[in-house]
N, C-alpha and C. Protein backbone atom coordinates (compact mmCIF):
# COMPACT_ATOMS: atom_id res chain seq x y z
N MET A 1 1.27 6.09 9.14
CA MET A 1 0.80 7.44 9.46
C MET A 1 -0.71 7.44 9.61
N ASP A 2 -1.20 8.26 10.51
CA ASP A 2 -2.64 8.40 10.74
C ASP A 2 -3.33 8.84 9.44
N GLU A 3 -4.51 8.25 9.19
CA GLU A 3 -5.23 8.57 7.95
C GLU A 3 -5.54 10.06 7.82
N LYS A 4 -5.82 10.71 8.95
CA LYS A 4 -6.14 12.14 8.91
C LYS A 4 -4.95 12.94 8.37
N PHE A 5 -3.75 12.61 8.82
CA PHE A 5 -2.57 13.32 8.35
C PHE A 5 -2.28 13.02 6.88
N GLU A 6 -2.59 11.78 6.48
CA GLU A 6 -2.42 11.45 5.05
C GLU A 6 -3.36 12.30 4.20
N GLU A 7 -4.59 12.50 4.70
CA GLU A 7 -5.56 13.32 3.95
C GLU A 7 -5.07 14.77 3.84
N ILE A 8 -4.46 15.28 4.92
CA ILE A 8 -3.97 16.66 4.88
C ILE A 8 -2.82 16.79 3.87
N LEU A 9 -1.90 15.82 3.89
CA LEU A 9 -0.78 15.86 2.94
C LEU A 9 -1.30 15.79 1.50
N GLU A 10 -2.32 14.97 1.30
CA GLU A 10 -2.92 14.84 -0.03
C GLU A 10 -3.53 16.17 -0.46
N ALA A 11 -4.18 16.85 0.47
CA ALA A 11 -4.80 18.15 0.15
C ALA A 11 -3.73 19.21 -0.15
N ILE A 12 -2.62 19.16 0.56
CA ILE A 12 -1.53 20.10 0.28
C ILE A 12 -1.00 19.87 -1.13
N TRP A 13 -0.87 18.60 -1.50
CA TRP A 13 -0.40 18.27 -2.85
C TRP A 13 -1.38 18.81 -3.90
N ALA A 14 -2.68 18.55 -3.68
CA ALA A 14 -3.70 18.98 -4.66
C ALA A 14 -3.74 20.50 -4.79
N ALA A 15 -3.63 21.20 -3.66
CA ALA A 15 -3.63 22.66 -3.72
C ALA A 15 -2.38 23.17 -4.43
N GLY A 16 -1.27 22.49 -4.18
CA GLY A 16 -0.01 22.89 -4.80
C GLY A 16 -0.03 22.75 -6.31
N GLU A 17 -0.85 21.82 -6.83
CA GLU A 17 -0.95 21.66 -8.28
C GLU A 17 -1.52 22.91 -8.93
N ASN A 18 -2.22 23.72 -8.14
CA ASN A 18 -2.74 25.00 -8.63
C ASN A 18 -1.90 26.17 -8.10
N ASN A 19 -0.69 25.83 -7.64
CA ASN A 19 0.24 26.85 -7.12
C ASN A 19 -0.38 27.67 -5.99
N ASN A 20 -1.23 27.05 -5.23
CA ASN A 20 -1.85 27.73 -4.09
C ASN A 20 -1.53 26.93 -2.83
N PHE A 21 -0.72 27.46 -1.98
CA PHE A 21 -0.29 26.74 -0.78
C PHE A 21 -0.88 27.35 0.49
N SER A 22 -1.95 28.12 0.33
CA SER A 22 -2.57 28.75 1.50
C SER A 22 -3.36 27.71 2.30
N VAL A 23 -3.50 27.97 3.57
CA VAL A 23 -4.27 27.07 4.44
C VAL A 23 -5.71 26.97 3.95
N GLU A 24 -6.25 28.10 3.48
CA GLU A 24 -7.64 28.10 2.99
C GLU A 24 -7.79 27.17 1.79
N ALA A 25 -6.86 27.25 0.84
CA ALA A 25 -6.94 26.39 -0.35
C ALA A 25 -6.79 24.92 0.03
N ILE A 26 -5.91 24.65 0.96
CA ILE A 26 -5.70 23.26 1.40
C ILE A 26 -6.95 22.74 2.11
N SER A 27 -7.54 23.57 2.94
CA SER A 27 -8.74 23.17 3.68
C SER A 27 -9.88 22.82 2.73
N LYS A 28 -10.02 23.58 1.63
CA LYS A 28 -11.10 23.32 0.67
C LYS A 28 -10.94 21.97 -0.02
N ARG A 29 -9.68 21.51 -0.15
CA ARG A 29 -9.42 20.25 -0.86
C ARG A 29 -9.27 19.06 0.08
N CYS A 30 -9.37 19.33 1.36
CA CYS A 30 -9.13 18.25 2.32
C CYS A 30 -10.44 17.53 2.68
N ALA A 31 -10.38 16.20 2.71
CA ALA A 31 -11.58 15.40 3.00
C ALA A 31 -11.92 15.41 4.48
N VAL A 32 -11.00 15.90 5.31
CA VAL A 32 -11.26 15.94 6.76
C VAL A 32 -10.98 17.36 7.27
N ASP A 33 -11.60 17.69 8.40
CA ASP A 33 -11.32 18.98 9.03
C ASP A 33 -9.99 18.90 9.77
N PHE A 34 -9.25 19.99 9.74
CA PHE A 34 -8.00 20.03 10.50
C PHE A 34 -7.80 21.41 11.10
N ASN A 35 -6.89 21.51 12.04
CA ASN A 35 -6.65 22.80 12.69
C ASN A 35 -5.14 23.06 12.80
N ASP A 36 -4.80 24.15 13.47
CA ASP A 36 -3.38 24.52 13.59
C ASP A 36 -2.57 23.45 14.31
N ALA A 37 -3.21 22.79 15.28
CA ALA A 37 -2.50 21.76 16.03
C ALA A 37 -2.10 20.59 15.11
N ASP A 38 -2.97 20.28 14.17
CA ASP A 38 -2.65 19.19 13.22
C ASP A 38 -1.47 19.59 12.33
N LEU A 39 -1.48 20.84 11.87
CA LEU A 39 -0.37 21.31 11.03
C LEU A 39 0.93 21.34 11.83
N SER A 40 0.82 21.74 13.10
CA SER A 40 2.02 21.77 13.95
C SER A 40 2.58 20.37 14.13
N GLU A 41 1.69 19.39 14.24
CA GLU A 41 2.14 18.00 14.41
C GLU A 41 2.88 17.53 13.15
N LEU A 42 2.34 17.90 11.99
CA LEU A 42 3.00 17.52 10.74
C LEU A 42 4.35 18.23 10.61
N GLU A 43 4.41 19.47 11.09
CA GLU A 43 5.68 20.20 11.06
C GLU A 43 6.69 19.55 12.01
N LYS A 44 6.19 19.12 13.16
CA LYS A 44 7.04 18.44 14.14
C LYS A 44 7.60 17.14 13.57
N GLU A 45 6.78 16.45 12.76
CA GLU A 45 7.20 15.20 12.14
C GLU A 45 8.12 15.41 10.94
N GLY A 46 8.36 16.69 10.61
CA GLY A 46 9.27 16.99 9.50
C GLY A 46 8.65 16.85 8.13
N MET A 47 7.29 16.91 8.08
CA MET A 47 6.60 16.73 6.80
C MET A 47 6.36 18.05 6.08
N ILE A 48 6.16 19.12 6.84
CA ILE A 48 5.83 20.41 6.23
C ILE A 48 6.63 21.52 6.90
N VAL A 49 6.58 22.68 6.22
CA VAL A 49 7.16 23.90 6.79
C VAL A 49 6.10 24.99 6.66
N LYS A 50 5.74 25.60 7.78
CA LYS A 50 4.75 26.68 7.73
C LYS A 50 5.47 28.01 7.57
N ASN A 51 4.94 28.83 6.66
CA ASN A 51 5.53 30.14 6.40
C ASN A 51 4.38 31.13 6.24
N ALA A 52 4.11 31.89 7.30
CA ALA A 52 2.95 32.79 7.33
C ALA A 52 1.69 31.97 7.06
N ASP A 53 0.94 32.31 6.00
CA ASP A 53 -0.29 31.56 5.71
C ASP A 53 -0.03 30.39 4.77
N LYS A 54 1.21 30.22 4.35
CA LYS A 54 1.52 29.15 3.40
C LYS A 54 1.99 27.89 4.12
N VAL A 55 1.69 26.74 3.51
CA VAL A 55 2.16 25.46 4.01
C VAL A 55 2.93 24.79 2.88
N LEU A 56 4.20 24.56 3.10
CA LEU A 56 5.06 23.96 2.07
C LEU A 56 5.55 22.60 2.52
N PHE A 57 5.84 21.75 1.56
CA PHE A 57 6.37 20.43 1.90
C PHE A 57 7.86 20.51 2.25
N SER A 58 8.29 19.65 3.16
CA SER A 58 9.71 19.35 3.29
C SER A 58 9.97 18.27 2.23
N SER A 59 11.23 17.91 2.03
CA SER A 59 11.52 16.86 1.05
C SER A 59 10.89 15.54 1.48
N LYS A 60 10.91 15.27 2.80
CA LYS A 60 10.29 14.05 3.33
C LYS A 60 8.78 14.06 3.11
N GLY A 61 8.15 15.21 3.41
CA GLY A 61 6.71 15.31 3.25
C GLY A 61 6.29 15.19 1.80
N LYS A 62 7.09 15.77 0.89
CA LYS A 62 6.76 15.70 -0.53
C LYS A 62 6.80 14.25 -1.01
N GLU A 63 7.79 13.49 -0.54
CA GLU A 63 7.90 12.09 -0.94
C GLU A 63 6.70 11.27 -0.45
N VAL A 64 6.31 11.52 0.80
CA VAL A 64 5.17 10.78 1.37
C VAL A 64 3.88 11.16 0.64
N ALA A 65 3.68 12.45 0.42
CA ALA A 65 2.47 12.92 -0.26
C ALA A 65 2.39 12.40 -1.68
N GLN A 66 3.53 12.35 -2.35
CA GLN A 66 3.54 11.83 -3.73
C GLN A 66 3.10 10.38 -3.76
N SER A 67 3.53 9.61 -2.77
CA SER A 67 3.14 8.20 -2.70
C SER A 67 1.64 8.06 -2.44
N ILE A 68 1.11 8.90 -1.54
CA ILE A 68 -0.33 8.86 -1.24
C ILE A 68 -1.14 9.20 -2.48
N MET A 69 -0.72 10.27 -3.17
CA MET A 69 -1.45 10.70 -4.36
C MET A 69 -1.38 9.66 -5.47
N ARG A 70 -0.23 9.02 -5.57
CA ARG A 70 -0.07 7.96 -6.59
C ARG A 70 -1.05 6.82 -6.31
N ARG A 71 -1.15 6.39 -5.05
CA ARG A 71 -2.07 5.31 -4.71
C ARG A 71 -3.51 5.71 -4.99
N HIS A 72 -3.85 6.94 -4.62
CA HIS A 72 -5.22 7.43 -4.81
C HIS A 72 -5.61 7.43 -6.30
N ARG A 73 -4.74 7.97 -7.13
CA ARG A 73 -5.11 8.11 -8.54
C ARG A 73 -5.02 6.79 -9.29
N LEU A 74 -4.12 5.91 -8.87
CA LEU A 74 -4.11 4.56 -9.46
C LEU A 74 -5.41 3.84 -9.10
N ALA A 75 -5.86 4.03 -7.86
CA ALA A 75 -7.12 3.40 -7.44
C ALA A 75 -8.28 3.93 -8.26
N GLU A 76 -8.25 5.22 -8.59
CA GLU A 76 -9.31 5.80 -9.41
C GLU A 76 -9.35 5.14 -10.79
N VAL A 77 -8.18 4.94 -11.38
CA VAL A 77 -8.13 4.30 -12.70
C VAL A 77 -8.62 2.86 -12.59
N LEU A 78 -8.20 2.17 -11.54
CA LEU A 78 -8.58 0.76 -11.37
C LEU A 78 -10.09 0.61 -11.24
N VAL A 79 -10.71 1.40 -10.38
CA VAL A 79 -12.13 1.21 -10.11
C VAL A 79 -13.01 1.66 -11.28
N THR A 80 -12.53 2.58 -12.09
CA THR A 80 -13.37 3.06 -13.21
C THR A 80 -13.12 2.26 -14.49
N SER A 81 -11.85 1.98 -14.82
CA SER A 81 -11.57 1.34 -16.10
C SER A 81 -11.62 -0.18 -16.04
N ILE A 82 -11.32 -0.76 -14.90
CA ILE A 82 -11.30 -2.21 -14.79
C ILE A 82 -12.54 -2.73 -14.05
N LEU A 83 -12.82 -2.16 -12.91
CA LEU A 83 -13.94 -2.65 -12.10
C LEU A 83 -15.27 -2.02 -12.51
N LYS A 84 -15.20 -1.01 -13.39
CA LYS A 84 -16.41 -0.37 -13.94
C LYS A 84 -17.33 0.19 -12.85
N VAL A 85 -16.73 0.73 -11.83
CA VAL A 85 -17.50 1.36 -10.77
C VAL A 85 -17.98 2.72 -11.26
N LYS A 86 -19.18 3.11 -10.86
CA LYS A 86 -19.74 4.39 -11.29
C LYS A 86 -18.82 5.52 -10.84
N SER A 87 -18.69 6.53 -11.69
CA SER A 87 -17.80 7.64 -11.38
C SER A 87 -18.19 8.34 -10.08
N SER A 88 -19.51 8.30 -9.76
CA SER A 88 -19.97 8.95 -8.52
C SER A 88 -19.41 8.26 -7.28
N GLU A 89 -19.05 6.97 -7.41
CA GLU A 89 -18.51 6.21 -6.28
C GLU A 89 -16.99 6.18 -6.29
N MET A 90 -16.39 6.62 -7.42
CA MET A 90 -14.95 6.50 -7.62
C MET A 90 -14.15 7.15 -6.49
N GLU A 91 -14.46 8.38 -6.17
CA GLU A 91 -13.68 9.14 -5.19
C GLU A 91 -13.74 8.50 -3.82
N LYS A 92 -14.92 8.04 -3.45
CA LYS A 92 -15.11 7.43 -2.13
C LYS A 92 -14.27 6.17 -1.99
N ILE A 93 -14.30 5.32 -3.01
CA ILE A 93 -13.54 4.07 -2.95
C ILE A 93 -12.04 4.34 -3.00
N ALA A 94 -11.63 5.27 -3.87
CA ALA A 94 -10.20 5.61 -3.98
C ALA A 94 -9.66 6.12 -2.66
N CYS A 95 -10.46 6.91 -1.94
CA CYS A 95 -10.04 7.45 -0.65
C CYS A 95 -9.81 6.33 0.36
N GLN A 96 -10.62 5.28 0.27
CA GLN A 96 -10.47 4.16 1.20
C GLN A 96 -9.25 3.32 0.82
N VAL A 97 -9.06 3.12 -0.48
CA VAL A 97 -7.97 2.26 -0.95
C VAL A 97 -6.61 2.87 -0.68
N GLU A 98 -6.50 4.18 -0.82
CA GLU A 98 -5.18 4.84 -0.72
C GLU A 98 -4.50 4.62 0.62
N HIS A 99 -5.31 4.37 1.67
CA HIS A 99 -4.75 4.22 3.01
C HIS A 99 -4.28 2.79 3.31
N CYS A 100 -4.68 1.84 2.49
CA CYS A 100 -4.36 0.45 2.83
C CYS A 100 -3.61 -0.28 1.72
N LEU A 101 -3.36 0.38 0.60
CA LEU A 101 -2.68 -0.28 -0.50
C LEU A 101 -1.20 -0.48 -0.18
N GLN A 102 -0.75 -1.74 -0.18
CA GLN A 102 0.65 -2.01 0.13
C GLN A 102 1.51 -1.73 -1.10
N PRO A 103 2.78 -1.34 -0.89
CA PRO A 103 3.65 -0.95 -2.01
C PRO A 103 3.73 -1.98 -3.12
N GLU A 104 3.84 -3.26 -2.77
CA GLU A 104 3.99 -4.27 -3.81
C GLU A 104 2.70 -4.43 -4.62
N VAL A 105 1.54 -4.20 -3.95
CA VAL A 105 0.26 -4.27 -4.66
C VAL A 105 0.10 -3.04 -5.55
N GLU A 106 0.51 -1.89 -5.03
CA GLU A 106 0.45 -0.65 -5.81
C GLU A 106 1.22 -0.80 -7.11
N GLU A 107 2.42 -1.37 -7.02
CA GLU A 107 3.26 -1.54 -8.22
C GLU A 107 2.60 -2.49 -9.21
N SER A 108 2.05 -3.58 -8.70
CA SER A 108 1.40 -4.56 -9.58
C SER A 108 0.21 -3.95 -10.30
N ILE A 109 -0.57 -3.15 -9.59
CA ILE A 109 -1.72 -2.49 -10.21
C ILE A 109 -1.26 -1.55 -11.32
N CYS A 110 -0.19 -0.80 -11.04
CA CYS A 110 0.34 0.14 -12.04
C CYS A 110 0.78 -0.61 -13.30
N ILE A 111 1.45 -1.75 -13.10
CA ILE A 111 1.92 -2.54 -14.25
C ILE A 111 0.73 -3.09 -15.03
N LEU A 112 -0.24 -3.64 -14.31
CA LEU A 112 -1.42 -4.22 -14.97
C LEU A 112 -2.20 -3.16 -15.76
N LEU A 113 -2.18 -1.93 -15.27
CA LEU A 113 -2.91 -0.84 -15.94
C LEU A 113 -2.08 -0.20 -17.06
N GLY A 114 -0.82 -0.66 -17.21
CA GLY A 114 0.02 -0.10 -18.28
C GLY A 114 0.65 1.23 -17.93
N HIS A 115 0.93 1.45 -16.66
CA HIS A 115 1.57 2.68 -16.18
C HIS A 115 0.80 3.93 -16.62
N PRO A 116 -0.46 4.06 -16.17
CA PRO A 116 -1.25 5.23 -16.58
C PRO A 116 -0.61 6.53 -16.11
N GLU A 117 -0.69 7.55 -16.94
CA GLU A 117 -0.06 8.84 -16.60
C GLU A 117 -1.04 9.85 -16.05
N ILE A 118 -2.35 9.62 -16.32
CA ILE A 118 -3.36 10.53 -15.78
C ILE A 118 -4.51 9.72 -15.19
N CYS A 119 -5.20 10.32 -14.24
CA CYS A 119 -6.36 9.66 -13.62
C CYS A 119 -7.61 10.05 -14.42
N PRO A 120 -8.76 9.49 -14.10
CA PRO A 120 -9.99 9.80 -14.85
C PRO A 120 -10.34 11.29 -14.88
N ASP A 121 -9.85 12.05 -13.89
CA ASP A 121 -10.11 13.49 -13.88
C ASP A 121 -9.11 14.28 -14.71
N GLY A 122 -8.15 13.55 -15.32
CA GLY A 122 -7.16 14.21 -16.15
C GLY A 122 -5.97 14.77 -15.39
N LYS A 123 -5.87 14.41 -14.11
CA LYS A 123 -4.76 14.91 -13.30
C LYS A 123 -3.59 13.91 -13.36
N PRO A 124 -2.35 14.41 -13.26
CA PRO A 124 -1.18 13.51 -13.40
C PRO A 124 -1.03 12.53 -12.25
N ILE A 125 -0.63 11.30 -12.59
CA ILE A 125 -0.34 10.28 -11.58
C ILE A 125 1.17 10.25 -11.37
N PRO A 126 1.65 10.53 -10.17
CA PRO A 126 3.10 10.48 -9.93
C PRO A 126 3.67 9.12 -10.33
N LYS A 127 4.85 9.15 -10.95
CA LYS A 127 5.48 7.91 -11.41
C LYS A 127 6.08 7.13 -10.25
N GLY A 128 6.16 5.80 -10.45
CA GLY A 128 6.85 4.95 -9.51
C GLY A 128 8.07 4.34 -10.18
N LYS A 129 8.80 3.50 -9.43
CA LYS A 129 9.99 2.87 -10.00
C LYS A 129 9.64 1.99 -11.19
N CYS A 130 8.46 1.33 -11.12
CA CYS A 130 8.06 0.44 -12.21
C CYS A 130 7.83 1.22 -13.50
N CYS A 131 7.40 2.50 -13.37
CA CYS A 131 7.18 3.34 -14.55
C CYS A 131 8.51 3.71 -15.18
N ASP A 132 9.47 4.08 -14.33
CA ASP A 132 10.79 4.49 -14.83
C ASP A 132 11.46 3.37 -15.61
N HIS A 133 11.22 2.12 -15.18
CA HIS A 133 11.85 0.98 -15.86
C HIS A 133 10.91 0.30 -16.86
N ASP A 134 9.72 0.89 -17.03
CA ASP A 134 8.73 0.38 -17.98
C ASP A 134 8.52 -1.13 -17.80
N VAL A 135 8.31 -1.54 -16.57
CA VAL A 135 8.11 -2.96 -16.26
C VAL A 135 6.82 -3.45 -16.90
N LYS A 136 6.89 -4.60 -17.56
CA LYS A 136 5.72 -5.13 -18.26
C LYS A 136 5.11 -6.34 -17.56
N VAL A 137 5.90 -7.01 -16.75
CA VAL A 137 5.45 -8.27 -16.14
C VAL A 137 5.31 -8.09 -14.63
N VAL A 138 4.21 -8.59 -14.11
CA VAL A 138 4.00 -8.56 -12.67
C VAL A 138 4.74 -9.74 -12.05
N ASN A 139 5.80 -9.44 -11.34
CA ASN A 139 6.58 -10.52 -10.73
C ASN A 139 5.96 -11.01 -9.43
N ASN A 140 5.43 -10.07 -8.68
CA ASN A 140 4.84 -10.47 -7.41
C ASN A 140 3.47 -11.08 -7.63
N MET A 141 3.19 -12.16 -6.92
CA MET A 141 1.91 -12.82 -7.07
C MET A 141 1.61 -13.64 -5.84
N VAL A 142 0.35 -13.90 -5.66
CA VAL A 142 -0.06 -14.71 -4.52
C VAL A 142 0.04 -16.18 -4.90
N VAL A 143 0.78 -16.92 -4.13
CA VAL A 143 0.98 -18.34 -4.37
C VAL A 143 0.86 -19.09 -3.05
N SER A 144 0.73 -20.39 -3.18
CA SER A 144 0.77 -21.21 -1.97
C SER A 144 2.18 -21.15 -1.41
N LEU A 145 2.30 -21.13 -0.12
CA LEU A 145 3.62 -21.12 0.52
C LEU A 145 4.45 -22.31 0.05
N LYS A 146 3.79 -23.38 -0.30
CA LYS A 146 4.47 -24.60 -0.75
C LYS A 146 5.32 -24.35 -1.99
N GLU A 147 4.94 -23.33 -2.81
CA GLU A 147 5.64 -23.07 -4.07
C GLU A 147 6.92 -22.26 -3.91
N LEU A 148 7.12 -21.69 -2.73
CA LEU A 148 8.35 -20.92 -2.51
C LEU A 148 9.53 -21.84 -2.31
N ALA A 149 10.69 -21.43 -2.82
CA ALA A 149 11.92 -22.20 -2.66
C ALA A 149 12.62 -21.79 -1.37
N PRO A 150 13.51 -22.63 -0.86
CA PRO A 150 14.28 -22.25 0.33
C PRO A 150 14.98 -20.91 0.12
N GLY A 151 14.85 -20.03 1.11
CA GLY A 151 15.44 -18.70 1.02
C GLY A 151 14.47 -17.64 0.55
N GLU A 152 13.39 -18.05 -0.11
CA GLU A 152 12.40 -17.07 -0.59
C GLU A 152 11.51 -16.62 0.55
N LYS A 153 11.01 -15.36 0.41
CA LYS A 153 10.14 -14.78 1.42
C LYS A 153 8.75 -14.53 0.85
N GLY A 154 7.78 -14.59 1.74
CA GLY A 154 6.42 -14.27 1.32
C GLY A 154 5.66 -13.63 2.47
N LYS A 155 4.75 -12.72 2.12
CA LYS A 155 3.89 -12.11 3.13
C LYS A 155 2.54 -12.81 3.11
N ILE A 156 2.12 -13.34 4.24
CA ILE A 156 0.86 -14.10 4.29
C ILE A 156 -0.31 -13.19 3.92
N THR A 157 -1.10 -13.63 2.92
CA THR A 157 -2.27 -12.87 2.52
C THR A 157 -3.54 -13.48 3.12
N TYR A 158 -3.62 -14.79 3.10
CA TYR A 158 -4.74 -15.46 3.75
C TYR A 158 -4.41 -16.92 3.98
N ILE A 159 -5.15 -17.55 4.88
CA ILE A 159 -4.95 -18.96 5.17
C ILE A 159 -6.27 -19.67 4.92
N LYS A 160 -6.20 -20.67 4.06
CA LYS A 160 -7.40 -21.46 3.74
C LYS A 160 -7.51 -22.55 4.81
N PRO A 161 -8.51 -22.48 5.63
CA PRO A 161 -8.58 -23.43 6.74
C PRO A 161 -8.92 -24.84 6.27
N GLY A 162 -7.93 -25.74 6.32
CA GLY A 162 -8.21 -27.14 6.02
C GLY A 162 -9.14 -27.70 7.07
N SER A 163 -8.95 -27.22 8.28
CA SER A 163 -9.86 -27.55 9.38
C SER A 163 -9.75 -26.42 10.39
N HIS A 164 -10.74 -26.26 11.21
CA HIS A 164 -10.71 -25.18 12.19
C HIS A 164 -9.55 -25.34 13.16
N SER A 165 -9.23 -26.60 13.50
CA SER A 165 -8.14 -26.81 14.46
C SER A 165 -6.81 -26.37 13.86
N ASN A 166 -6.60 -26.66 12.55
CA ASN A 166 -5.36 -26.23 11.90
C ASN A 166 -5.25 -24.71 11.89
N LEU A 167 -6.35 -24.02 11.53
CA LEU A 167 -6.35 -22.57 11.46
C LEU A 167 -6.04 -21.96 12.82
N HIS A 168 -6.70 -22.45 13.84
CA HIS A 168 -6.49 -21.92 15.18
C HIS A 168 -5.06 -22.17 15.66
N GLN A 169 -4.50 -23.32 15.26
CA GLN A 169 -3.14 -23.64 15.66
C GLN A 169 -2.15 -22.66 15.01
N LEU A 170 -2.36 -22.36 13.72
CA LEU A 170 -1.47 -21.43 13.03
C LEU A 170 -1.55 -20.03 13.63
N ILE A 171 -2.77 -19.60 13.93
CA ILE A 171 -2.94 -18.28 14.54
C ILE A 171 -2.28 -18.22 15.90
N SER A 172 -2.35 -19.34 16.66
CA SER A 172 -1.72 -19.36 17.98
C SER A 172 -0.20 -19.24 17.87
N PHE A 173 0.36 -19.68 16.73
CA PHE A 173 1.80 -19.55 16.51
C PHE A 173 2.19 -18.13 16.05
N GLY A 174 1.19 -17.31 15.74
CA GLY A 174 1.46 -15.96 15.27
C GLY A 174 1.47 -15.84 13.76
N LEU A 175 1.03 -16.86 13.06
CA LEU A 175 0.99 -16.82 11.60
C LEU A 175 -0.32 -16.19 11.13
N ASN A 176 -0.33 -14.88 11.14
CA ASN A 176 -1.52 -14.14 10.73
C ASN A 176 -1.25 -13.44 9.39
N PRO A 177 -2.29 -13.05 8.67
CA PRO A 177 -2.08 -12.26 7.45
C PRO A 177 -1.24 -11.03 7.74
N GLY A 178 -0.25 -10.78 6.86
CA GLY A 178 0.65 -9.65 7.04
C GLY A 178 2.02 -10.05 7.56
N VAL A 179 2.10 -11.25 8.14
CA VAL A 179 3.38 -11.73 8.66
C VAL A 179 4.27 -12.19 7.50
N VAL A 180 5.54 -11.78 7.53
CA VAL A 180 6.50 -12.20 6.50
C VAL A 180 7.22 -13.46 6.97
N VAL A 181 7.18 -14.49 6.14
CA VAL A 181 7.85 -15.75 6.48
C VAL A 181 8.92 -16.04 5.43
N THR A 182 9.95 -16.74 5.86
CA THR A 182 11.02 -17.19 4.96
C THR A 182 11.06 -18.71 4.99
N VAL A 183 11.09 -19.31 3.80
CA VAL A 183 11.21 -20.77 3.76
C VAL A 183 12.65 -21.14 4.11
N HIS A 184 12.81 -21.85 5.20
CA HIS A 184 14.15 -22.23 5.66
C HIS A 184 14.63 -23.47 4.92
N ARG A 185 13.82 -24.51 4.89
CA ARG A 185 14.13 -25.72 4.13
C ARG A 185 12.83 -26.46 3.84
N LYS A 186 12.91 -27.37 2.85
CA LYS A 186 11.70 -28.13 2.48
C LYS A 186 11.86 -29.62 2.78
N ASN A 187 13.10 -30.03 3.02
CA ASN A 187 13.37 -31.43 3.35
C ASN A 187 14.33 -31.52 4.53
N PRO A 188 14.19 -32.47 5.42
CA PRO A 188 13.19 -33.55 5.42
C PRO A 188 11.80 -33.08 5.85
N ALA A 189 11.70 -31.86 6.41
CA ALA A 189 10.39 -31.31 6.78
C ALA A 189 10.32 -29.88 6.29
N PHE A 190 9.10 -29.40 6.00
CA PHE A 190 8.92 -28.01 5.55
C PHE A 190 9.08 -27.11 6.77
N CYS A 191 10.08 -26.26 6.69
CA CYS A 191 10.41 -25.44 7.86
C CYS A 191 10.47 -23.97 7.45
N ILE A 192 9.82 -23.12 8.24
CA ILE A 192 9.83 -21.68 7.95
C ILE A 192 10.38 -20.90 9.14
N LYS A 193 10.80 -19.67 8.83
CA LYS A 193 11.23 -18.74 9.88
C LYS A 193 10.39 -17.48 9.78
N PHE A 194 10.01 -16.95 10.90
CA PHE A 194 9.33 -15.65 10.92
C PHE A 194 9.57 -15.02 12.29
N GLU A 195 9.83 -13.70 12.24
CA GLU A 195 10.18 -12.97 13.46
C GLU A 195 11.30 -13.75 14.17
N ASN A 196 11.10 -14.20 15.41
CA ASN A 196 12.17 -14.94 16.09
C ASN A 196 11.81 -16.41 16.22
N THR A 197 10.99 -16.89 15.33
CA THR A 197 10.49 -18.26 15.44
C THR A 197 10.89 -19.10 14.24
N GLU A 198 11.26 -20.34 14.49
CA GLU A 198 11.48 -21.32 13.43
C GLU A 198 10.47 -22.43 13.65
N LEU A 199 9.75 -22.77 12.59
CA LEU A 199 8.62 -23.68 12.77
C LEU A 199 8.54 -24.71 11.65
N ALA A 200 8.39 -25.98 12.02
CA ALA A 200 8.17 -27.04 11.04
C ALA A 200 6.67 -27.23 10.89
N ILE A 201 6.20 -27.26 9.62
CA ILE A 201 4.76 -27.37 9.37
C ILE A 201 4.49 -28.54 8.44
N ASP A 202 3.41 -29.26 8.73
CA ASP A 202 2.98 -30.35 7.87
C ASP A 202 2.67 -29.81 6.48
N GLU A 203 3.08 -30.50 5.43
CA GLU A 203 2.89 -30.00 4.06
C GLU A 203 1.44 -29.87 3.67
N GLU A 204 0.56 -30.63 4.28
CA GLU A 204 -0.87 -30.51 4.00
C GLU A 204 -1.39 -29.15 4.49
N ILE A 205 -0.76 -28.65 5.55
CA ILE A 205 -1.15 -27.33 6.06
C ILE A 205 -0.47 -26.24 5.24
N VAL A 206 0.80 -26.49 4.86
CA VAL A 206 1.57 -25.50 4.09
C VAL A 206 0.84 -25.09 2.81
N LYS A 207 0.26 -26.06 2.13
CA LYS A 207 -0.37 -25.75 0.84
C LYS A 207 -1.60 -24.87 0.99
N ASN A 208 -2.12 -24.74 2.21
CA ASN A 208 -3.29 -23.89 2.44
C ASN A 208 -2.93 -22.50 2.95
N ILE A 209 -1.62 -22.23 3.04
CA ILE A 209 -1.17 -20.89 3.43
C ILE A 209 -0.77 -20.15 2.16
N PHE A 210 -1.40 -19.03 1.89
CA PHE A 210 -1.13 -18.28 0.66
C PHE A 210 -0.38 -16.99 0.99
N VAL A 211 0.64 -16.75 0.19
CA VAL A 211 1.52 -15.60 0.47
C VAL A 211 1.71 -14.75 -0.77
N TRP A 212 2.05 -13.50 -0.52
CA TRP A 212 2.46 -12.59 -1.60
C TRP A 212 3.96 -12.76 -1.72
N ARG A 213 4.42 -13.29 -2.86
CA ARG A 213 5.85 -13.55 -3.04
C ARG A 213 6.62 -12.23 -3.01
N LEU A 214 7.62 -12.13 -2.18
CA LEU A 214 8.41 -10.91 -2.04
C LEU A 214 9.73 -11.08 -2.78
N VAL A 215 10.09 -10.07 -3.55
CA VAL A 215 11.34 -10.10 -4.29
C VAL A 215 12.39 -9.34 -3.49
N ASN A 216 13.51 -10.00 -3.21
CA ASN A 216 14.57 -9.37 -2.41
C ASN A 216 15.21 -8.21 -3.18
């Protein structure tokens, strides 16, 4: 979703916490300017329902907004309690993080922080699945692709260039950060699958590809 629309949904959520669903209240809490056309687009997408001057969530919009707010407030806790960022910078950084935090990273941060229930401003942090199950251990982690077993999947986080030619060759194959690969087999050659491609890779190169281990 476009970052602007995410900001509007976030503002609707924040205004709703004060039981005020008016466009004026939402506009005051929104980090970006918006107009009727933007609200109409969100209504068209099935995220909101407009009723006179009020803007209410649909069930789909509420779910999306809850996820955005959860990422934002977890980011606030992370940057203030762990990274020790000044409170004056907290909001700015949290706003940037909320748009790019991937679900598996969001869950790991929540677990590492001990499932915080409120953000530094004292506002509630929406719960995630990891909170409901009181997960204590971070299962997902960045490892070398070489450590994955056949059948396991990983999302490429970065590639350590053993040499420029190796890096360029991998990129030419479409192995970029964000691509999900599955280890097909490790013997007699290390072979992976991704999208519609099956590729055998030298093990010296495999160990320099780092992935976020995905749990099926």
